[in-house]
Each structure stands twice: as structure tokens, then as C-alpha cells.
Amino acid sequence: MGQNLKGRVLIVEDDMLLSMVEERLIKRLGFDVVGKVTEAEDAVNKTVELKPDVIIMDISLKGDLDGIDAMEMIRQKSDVPVIYLSGSSDRYYYERAKKTGFSGFLTKPVTSGDLEDPLYLALKKDDESVQEMKDRKFNRTA
């Protein structure tokens, strides 16, 4: 692992400013950002190529496919944990995202505090109690 890094993260975010902010937050938490992409197809290819420990996935991406579509494709190749970032706390996206299995569903803007628990959670095995906790947290904020 080298410099005491906690995990390798792929950022999928089509807003370059937010991508930079997210990268800074993730690095501050001690994780390594191994790649940054802006489109669903690139997310699939980079996941296969880089084998990240966690993906930070923006739901709304440029192009025909959104972040949930990208994860559905990634799920055919990998069970890598994903933390979704959404511009809205829309139940529709949450329910779609849930089908792909995720370690976090955060509404932008996010802070390092928002990302910390889901990142650590992502590196542990997901189980039902974790899903219940995520549902509770979402229902509280929605």
C-alpha cells in the first residue's frame, strides 16, 4: 500500500470543480484517488482497468447513461463498493441505486465528514444491518 493509504478510490463526476473538491476531501481522509472520469462508459472501463476499492459515483452524468446505469454495467464485472452522490434526495434515484447495492447515498454538496463513514463502511463487508442503517439515514434526510 505504501504511504499508509486506506484504499483506492475512483471518482466519477462530470463537474470538474466538484471532482477536484471530492478528490481533496478523499485524500484528506487518507485514501488514494486512482482515477477521475466524467462519463458512464469510462467509469466501466476504468473500474476494470484500475480495480479501485471504492467508487464515488455522481448519479447525473453527461451522455445517455447516468451513474446508476454505469453501476449496473460495472456490477456485471465487479462487486466494488460504490458511494453515490446525488444533486437531489429524490426517492426514485435512491430506490434505483439500492438495486446496485451501495455503501452510501449522499446529497451534494458533500464534506469530508459526509464521506468518512461511507468510505470506511465500503471497505468492510456489507450486510443487512448496514443496509438498514443506510435506509434509516436516508429516511431521516428525505
C-alpha atoms as a PDB file:
ATOM      1  CA  MET A   1       0.000   0.000   0.000  1.00  0.00           C
ATOM      2  CA  GLY A   2       2.850   2.420   0.530  1.00  0.00           C
ATOM      3  CA  GLN A   3       2.176   5.712   2.296  1.00  0.00           C
ATOM      4  CA  ASN A   4      -0.313   4.242   4.791  1.00  0.00           C
ATOM      5  CA  LEU A   5      -3.231   4.712   2.390  1.00  0.00           C
ATOM      6  CA  LYS A   6      -6.587   3.309   3.395  1.00  0.00           C
ATOM      7  CA  GLY A   7      -7.936   2.415  -0.031  1.00  0.00           C
ATOM      8  CA  ARG A   8      -8.005   3.243  -3.736  1.00  0.00           C
ATOM      9  CA  VAL A   9     -10.881   5.414  -4.980  1.00  0.00           C
ATOM     10  CA  LEU A  10     -12.251   6.076  -8.479  1.00  0.00           C
ATOM     11  CA  ILE A  11     -14.217   9.342  -8.813  1.00  0.00           C
ATOM     12  CA  VAL A  12     -16.964   9.515 -11.445  1.00  0.00           C
ATOM     13  CA  GLU A  13     -18.092  13.153 -11.601  1.00  0.00           C
ATOM     14  CA  ASP A  14     -18.819  15.328 -14.645  1.00  0.00           C
ATOM     15  CA  ASP A  15     -18.450  18.655 -12.827  1.00  0.00           C
ATOM     16  CA  MET A  16     -14.706  19.376 -12.846  1.00  0.00           C
ATOM     17  CA  LEU A  17     -14.853  21.727  -9.859  1.00  0.00           C
ATOM     18  CA  LEU A  18     -16.763  19.196  -7.740  1.00  0.00           C
ATOM     19  CA  SER A  19     -14.396  16.476  -8.924  1.00  0.00           C
ATOM     20  CA  MET A  20     -11.433  18.479  -7.579  1.00  0.00           C
ATOM     21  CA  VAL A  21     -13.204  19.161  -4.285  1.00  0.00           C
ATOM     22  CA  GLU A  22     -14.139  15.494  -3.875  1.00  0.00           C
ATOM     23  CA  GLU A  23     -10.570  14.426  -4.665  1.00  0.00           C
ATOM     24  CA  ARG A  24      -9.230  16.784  -1.991  1.00  0.00           C
ATOM     25  CA  LEU A  25     -11.712  15.511   0.620  1.00  0.00           C
ATOM     26  CA  ILE A  26     -10.906  11.881  -0.158  1.00  0.00           C
ATOM     27  CA  LYS A  27      -7.150  12.461   0.003  1.00  0.00           C
ATOM     28  CA  ARG A  28      -7.552  14.318   3.294  1.00  0.00           C
ATOM     29  CA  LEU A  29      -9.205  11.186   4.714  1.00  0.00           C
ATOM     30  CA  GLY A  30      -6.129   9.181   3.713  1.00  0.00           C
ATOM     31  CA  PHE A  31      -7.449   7.457   0.600  1.00  0.00           C
ATOM     32  CA  ASP A  32      -5.711   7.388  -2.781  1.00  0.00           C
ATOM     33  CA  VAL A  33      -7.593   8.708  -5.831  1.00  0.00           C
ATOM     34  CA  VAL A  34      -6.542   6.336  -8.636  1.00  0.00           C
ATOM     35  CA  GLY A  35      -8.656   7.889 -11.379  1.00  0.00           C
ATOM     36  CA  LYS A  36     -11.260  10.508 -12.278  1.00  0.00           C
ATOM     37  CA  VAL A  37     -13.726  10.120 -15.143  1.00  0.00           C
ATOM     38  CA  THR A  38     -16.774  12.055 -16.319  1.00  0.00           C
ATOM     39  CA  GLU A  39     -18.909   9.521 -18.241  1.00  0.00           C
ATOM     40  CA  ALA A  40     -20.581   6.173 -17.553  1.00  0.00           C
ATOM     41  CA  GLU A  41     -18.695   4.202 -20.226  1.00  0.00           C
ATOM     42  CA  ASP A  42     -15.348   5.496 -18.932  1.00  0.00           C
ATOM     43  CA  ALA A  43     -16.382   4.526 -15.401  1.00  0.00           C
ATOM     44  CA  VAL A  44     -16.946   0.931 -16.513  1.00  0.00           C
ATOM     45  CA  ASN A  45     -13.618   0.755 -18.391  1.00  0.00           C
ATOM     46  CA  LYS A  46     -11.610   2.386 -15.588  1.00  0.00           C
ATOM     47  CA  THR A  47     -13.144   0.088 -12.971  1.00  0.00           C
ATOM     48  CA  VAL A  48     -11.979  -2.942 -14.938  1.00  0.00           C
ATOM     49  CA  GLU A  49      -8.560  -1.394 -15.582  1.00  0.00           C
ATOM     50  CA  LEU A  50      -7.787   0.139 -12.166  1.00  0.00           C
ATOM     51  CA  LYS A  51      -9.706  -2.214  -9.824  1.00  0.00           C
ATOM     52  CA  PRO A  52     -10.458   0.502  -7.234  1.00  0.00           C
ATOM     53  CA  ASP A  53     -11.505  -0.396  -3.670  1.00  0.00           C
ATOM     54  CA  VAL A  54     -14.367   2.132  -3.804  1.00  0.00           C
ATOM     55  CA  ILE A  55     -16.163   4.214  -6.448  1.00  0.00           C
ATOM     56  CA  ILE A  56     -17.545   7.684  -5.750  1.00  0.00           C
ATOM     57  CA  MET A  57     -20.337   7.876  -8.350  1.00  0.00           C
ATOM     58  CA  ASP A  58     -22.239  11.017  -9.309  1.00  0.00           C
ATOM     59  CA  ILE A  59     -25.742   9.968 -10.365  1.00  0.00           C
ATOM     60  CA  SER A  60     -26.285  12.604 -13.062  1.00  0.00           C
ATOM     61  CA  LEU A  61     -23.595  12.335 -15.735  1.00  0.00           C
ATOM     62  CA  LYS A  62     -23.269  13.807 -19.203  1.00  0.00           C
ATOM     63  CA  GLY A  63     -24.329  11.476 -22.010  1.00  0.00           C
ATOM     64  CA  ASP A  64     -27.102   8.925 -22.327  1.00  0.00           C
ATOM     65  CA  LEU A  65     -26.265   6.901 -19.232  1.00  0.00           C
ATOM     66  CA  ASP A  66     -26.380   8.041 -15.609  1.00  0.00           C
ATOM     67  CA  GLY A  67     -24.290   6.836 -12.686  1.00  0.00           C
ATOM     68  CA  ILE A  68     -26.773   4.121 -11.764  1.00  0.00           C
ATOM     69  CA  ASP A  69     -26.675   2.769 -15.337  1.00  0.00           C
ATOM     70  CA  ALA A  70     -22.870   2.752 -15.060  1.00  0.00           C
ATOM     71  CA  MET A  71     -23.027   0.767 -11.810  1.00  0.00           C
ATOM     72  CA  GLU A  72     -25.439  -1.744 -13.351  1.00  0.00           C
ATOM     73  CA  MET A  73     -22.819  -2.383 -16.039  1.00  0.00           C
ATOM     74  CA  ILE A  74     -19.971  -2.461 -13.503  1.00  0.00           C
ATOM     75  CA  ARG A  75     -21.928  -4.984 -11.402  1.00  0.00           C
ATOM     76  CA  GLN A  76     -21.671  -7.468 -14.277  1.00  0.00           C
ATOM     77  CA  LYS A  77     -17.880  -7.392 -13.819  1.00  0.00           C
ATOM     78  CA  SER A  78     -17.219  -6.315 -10.234  1.00  0.00           C
ATOM     79  CA  ASP A  79     -18.746  -6.084  -6.772  1.00  0.00           C
ATOM     80  CA  VAL A  80     -16.689  -2.975  -5.959  1.00  0.00           C
ATOM     81  CA  PRO A  81     -18.395  -0.830  -3.290  1.00  0.00           C
ATOM     82  CA  VAL A  82     -19.995   2.407  -4.510  1.00  0.00           C
ATOM     83  CA  ILE A  83     -20.926   5.663  -2.794  1.00  0.00           C
ATOM     84  CA  TYR A  84     -23.483   7.620  -4.798  1.00  0.00           C
ATOM     85  CA  LEU A  85     -23.598  11.415  -4.885  1.00  0.00           C
ATOM     86  CA  SER A  86     -26.876  12.967  -5.932  1.00  0.00           C
ATOM     87  CA  GLY A  87     -27.949  16.515  -6.661  1.00  0.00           C
ATOM     88  CA  SER A  88     -31.309  15.699  -5.082  1.00  0.00           C
ATOM     89  CA  SER A  89     -32.658  13.386  -2.396  1.00  0.00           C
ATOM     90  CA  ASP A  90     -35.195  12.001  -4.870  1.00  0.00           C
ATOM     91  CA  ARG A  91     -36.625   8.663  -3.716  1.00  0.00           C
ATOM     92  CA  TYR A  92     -36.702   7.395  -7.319  1.00  0.00           C
ATOM     93  CA  TYR A  93     -32.896   7.557  -7.618  1.00  0.00           C
ATOM     94  CA  TYR A  94     -32.447   6.093  -4.158  1.00  0.00           C
ATOM     95  CA  GLU A  95     -34.622   3.069  -4.971  1.00  0.00           C
ATOM     96  CA  ARG A  96     -32.853   2.542  -8.339  1.00  0.00           C
ATOM     97  CA  ALA A  97     -29.452   2.908  -6.690  1.00  0.00           C
ATOM     98  CA  LYS A  98     -30.385   0.435  -3.969  1.00  0.00           C
ATOM     99  CA  LYS A  99     -30.710  -2.327  -6.572  1.00  0.00           C
ATOM    100  CA  THR A 100     -26.976  -1.989  -7.340  1.00  0.00           C
ATOM    101  CA  GLY A 101     -26.012  -2.223  -3.676  1.00  0.00           C
ATOM    102  CA  PHE A 102     -24.184   0.766  -2.240  1.00  0.00           C
ATOM    103  CA  SER A 103     -22.195   1.881   0.787  1.00  0.00           C
ATOM    104  CA  GLY A 104     -23.558   5.416   0.795  1.00  0.00           C
ATOM    105  CA  PHE A 105     -26.081   7.701  -0.872  1.00  0.00           C
ATOM    106  CA  LEU A 106     -25.161  11.320  -0.217  1.00  0.00           C
ATOM    107  CA  THR A 107     -26.807  14.536  -1.332  1.00  0.00           C
ATOM    108  CA  LYS A 108     -24.436  17.210  -2.653  1.00  0.00           C
ATOM    109  CA  PRO A 109     -22.637  19.213  -1.566  1.00  0.00           C
ATOM    110  CA  VAL A 110     -20.627  16.731   0.488  1.00  0.00           C
ATOM    111  CA  THR A 111     -17.992  17.292   3.162  1.00  0.00           C
ATOM    112  CA  SER A 112     -15.180  15.012   4.305  1.00  0.00           C
ATOM    113  CA  GLY A 113     -17.407  14.275   7.313  1.00  0.00           C
ATOM    114  CA  ASP A 114     -20.179  13.053   4.971  1.00  0.00           C
ATOM    115  CA  LEU A 115     -17.743  10.837   3.070  1.00  0.00           C
ATOM    116  CA  GLU A 116     -15.841   9.395   6.016  1.00  0.00           C
ATOM    117  CA  ASP A 117     -18.355   6.823   7.301  1.00  0.00           C
ATOM    118  CA  PRO A 118     -19.414   5.535   3.855  1.00  0.00           C
ATOM    119  CA  LEU A 119     -15.771   5.187   2.770  1.00  0.00           C
ATOM    120  CA  TYR A 120     -14.861   3.145   5.842  1.00  0.00           C
ATOM    121  CA  LEU A 121     -18.100   1.197   5.509  1.00  0.00           C
ATOM    122  CA  ALA A 122     -17.316   0.441   1.854  1.00  0.00           C
ATOM    123  CA  LEU A 123     -14.111  -1.317   2.843  1.00  0.00           C
ATOM    124  CA  LYS A 124     -15.968  -3.623   5.239  1.00  0.00           C
ATOM    125  CA  LYS A 125     -18.332  -6.359   4.079  1.00  0.00           C
ATOM    126  CA  ASP A 126     -21.851  -5.066   3.507  1.00  0.00           C
ATOM    127  CA  ASP A 127     -24.642  -6.816   5.396  1.00  0.00           C
ATOM    128  CA  GLU A 128     -28.326  -6.316   6.195  1.00  0.00           C
ATOM    129  CA  SER A 129     -27.730  -4.218   9.297  1.00  0.00           C
ATOM    130  CA  VAL A 130     -25.635  -1.834   7.207  1.00  0.00           C
ATOM    131  CA  GLN A 131     -28.449  -1.558   4.627  1.00  0.00           C
ATOM    132  CA  GLU A 132     -30.971  -0.881   7.399  1.00  0.00           C
ATOM    133  CA  MET A 133     -28.714   1.859   8.759  1.00  0.00           C
ATOM    134  CA  LYS A 134     -28.467   3.431   5.291  1.00  0.00           C
ATOM    135  CA  ASP A 135     -32.251   3.288   4.861  1.00  0.00           C
ATOM    136  CA  ARG A 136     -32.757   4.940   8.250  1.00  0.00           C
ATOM    137  CA  LYS A 137     -30.267   7.687   7.451  1.00  0.00           C
ATOM    138  CA  PHE A 138     -31.895   8.373   4.070  1.00  0.00           C
ATOM    139  CA  ASN A 139     -35.408   8.399   5.515  1.00  0.00           C
ATOM    140  CA  ARG A 140     -34.256  10.902   8.119  1.00  0.00           C
ATOM    141  CA  THR A 141     -32.889  13.311   5.498  1.00  0.00           C
ATOM    142  CA  ALA A 142     -35.574  12.853   2.848  1.00  0.00           C
END
